[in-house]
Amino acid sequence: MTVDPAADVDGTYAAWFTANGVAAALQRPDFHLFGAAPDAAGTAALLAELRTALGASFVTAPTPDGGTP
């Protein structure tokens, strides 16, 4: 987990991520937390949950190597 020191001037975010074993957090536009994940697999699952919650039906862009995410 990397927290931008320019955005986390007093270390609050880094401390929260560490204390909660979080690698990624997804914040809603209204600043409520949609969810958090401990690792890359959890982050992928969290994003899938968001897509489902939004009712997203879109085609994802291919990755630079030509595959799909």
C-alpha atoms as a PDB file:
ATOM      1  CA  MET A   1       0.000   0.000   0.000  1.00  0.00           C
ATOM      2  CA  THR A   2       1.280   3.428  -0.938  1.00  0.00           C
ATOM      3  CA  VAL A   3      -0.298   6.602   0.314  1.00  0.00           C
ATOM      4  CA  ASP A   4       0.709   9.867  -1.360  1.00  0.00           C
ATOM      5  CA  PRO A   5       2.446  11.968   1.316  1.00  0.00           C
ATOM      6  CA  ALA A   6       1.132  15.141  -0.350  1.00  0.00           C
ATOM      7  CA  ALA A   7      -2.441  13.945   0.230  1.00  0.00           C
ATOM      8  CA  ASP A   8      -1.778  12.418   3.660  1.00  0.00           C
ATOM      9  CA  VAL A   9      -0.005  15.273   5.397  1.00  0.00           C
ATOM     10  CA  ASP A  10      -0.442  13.940   8.940  1.00  0.00           C
ATOM     11  CA  GLY A  11      -0.310  10.184   8.231  1.00  0.00           C
ATOM     12  CA  THR A  12      -3.975   9.538   9.016  1.00  0.00           C
ATOM     13  CA  TYR A  13      -4.690   7.579   5.832  1.00  0.00           C
ATOM     14  CA  ALA A  14      -1.551   5.450   6.043  1.00  0.00           C
ATOM     15  CA  ALA A  15      -2.305   4.625   9.676  1.00  0.00           C
ATOM     16  CA  TRP A  16      -5.882   3.619   8.804  1.00  0.00           C
ATOM     17  CA  PHE A  17      -4.760   1.399   5.910  1.00  0.00           C
ATOM     18  CA  THR A  18      -2.173  -0.300   8.121  1.00  0.00           C
ATOM     19  CA  ALA A  19      -4.431  -0.716  11.167  1.00  0.00           C
ATOM     20  CA  ASN A  20      -7.170  -2.283   9.042  1.00  0.00           C
ATOM     21  CA  GLY A  21      -4.986  -4.445   6.804  1.00  0.00           C
ATOM     22  CA  VAL A  22      -6.232  -2.605   3.727  1.00  0.00           C
ATOM     23  CA  ALA A  23      -4.391  -2.342   0.409  1.00  0.00           C
ATOM     24  CA  ALA A  24      -7.112  -0.479  -1.516  1.00  0.00           C
ATOM     25  CA  ALA A  25     -10.190   1.519  -0.627  1.00  0.00           C
ATOM     26  CA  LEU A  26     -12.957   2.660  -2.946  1.00  0.00           C
ATOM     27  CA  GLN A  27     -14.484   5.970  -1.922  1.00  0.00           C
ATOM     28  CA  ARG A  28     -17.804   7.175  -3.267  1.00  0.00           C
ATOM     29  CA  PRO A  29     -18.197  10.736  -4.622  1.00  0.00           C
ATOM     30  CA  ASP A  30     -20.092  11.638  -1.432  1.00  0.00           C
ATOM     31  CA  PHE A  31     -16.978  10.577   0.546  1.00  0.00           C
ATOM     32  CA  HIS A  32     -18.565   7.461   2.047  1.00  0.00           C
ATOM     33  CA  LEU A  33     -16.476   4.312   1.758  1.00  0.00           C
ATOM     34  CA  PHE A  34     -17.902   1.838  -0.763  1.00  0.00           C
ATOM     35  CA  GLY A  35     -15.506  -0.875   0.358  1.00  0.00           C
ATOM     36  CA  ALA A  36     -11.950  -1.890   1.087  1.00  0.00           C
ATOM     37  CA  ALA A  37      -9.759  -4.826   0.130  1.00  0.00           C
ATOM     38  CA  PRO A  38      -6.654  -6.452   1.611  1.00  0.00           C
ATOM     39  CA  ASP A  39      -4.924  -7.344  -1.684  1.00  0.00           C
ATOM     40  CA  ALA A  40      -5.109  -7.305  -5.499  1.00  0.00           C
ATOM     41  CA  ALA A  41      -7.610 -10.179  -5.661  1.00  0.00           C
ATOM     42  CA  GLY A  42      -9.831  -8.437  -3.132  1.00  0.00           C
ATOM     43  CA  THR A  43      -9.554  -5.213  -5.110  1.00  0.00           C
ATOM     44  CA  ALA A  44     -10.677  -6.986  -8.290  1.00  0.00           C
ATOM     45  CA  ALA A  45     -13.638  -8.453  -6.397  1.00  0.00           C
ATOM     46  CA  LEU A  46     -14.485  -5.021  -4.976  1.00  0.00           C
ATOM     47  CA  LEU A  47     -14.497  -3.502  -8.464  1.00  0.00           C
ATOM     48  CA  ALA A  48     -16.712  -6.342  -9.722  1.00  0.00           C
ATOM     49  CA  GLU A  49     -19.098  -5.611  -6.852  1.00  0.00           C
ATOM     50  CA  LEU A  50     -19.146  -1.936  -7.850  1.00  0.00           C
ATOM     51  CA  ARG A  51     -19.904  -2.820 -11.472  1.00  0.00           C
ATOM     52  CA  THR A  52     -22.789  -4.998 -10.288  1.00  0.00           C
ATOM     53  CA  ALA A  53     -24.074  -2.291  -7.958  1.00  0.00           C
ATOM     54  CA  LEU A  54     -24.001   0.235 -10.784  1.00  0.00           C
ATOM     55  CA  GLY A  55     -25.665  -2.191 -13.166  1.00  0.00           C
ATOM     56  CA  ALA A  56     -22.742  -1.685 -15.507  1.00  0.00           C
ATOM     57  CA  SER A  57     -23.018  -3.381 -18.855  1.00  0.00           C
ATOM     58  CA  PHE A  58     -20.034  -2.256 -20.824  1.00  0.00           C
ATOM     59  CA  VAL A  59     -17.155  -3.799 -22.694  1.00  0.00           C
ATOM     60  CA  THR A  60     -13.793  -3.404 -21.019  1.00  0.00           C
ATOM     61  CA  ALA A  61     -10.900  -2.112 -23.059  1.00  0.00           C
ATOM     62  CA  PRO A  62      -8.158  -4.562 -23.918  1.00  0.00           C
ATOM     63  CA  THR A  63      -4.974  -4.451 -21.892  1.00  0.00           C
ATOM     64  CA  PRO A  64      -1.740  -3.239 -23.544  1.00  0.00           C
ATOM     65  CA  ASP A  65      -0.783  -6.848 -24.330  1.00  0.00           C
ATOM     66  CA  GLY A  66      -4.067  -7.394 -26.201  1.00  0.00           C
ATOM     67  CA  GLY A  67      -5.818  -9.395 -23.472  1.00  0.00           C
ATOM     68  CA  THR A  68      -8.831  -8.398 -21.447  1.00  0.00           C
ATOM     69  CA  PRO A  69      -8.682  -7.293 -17.822  1.00  0.00           C
END
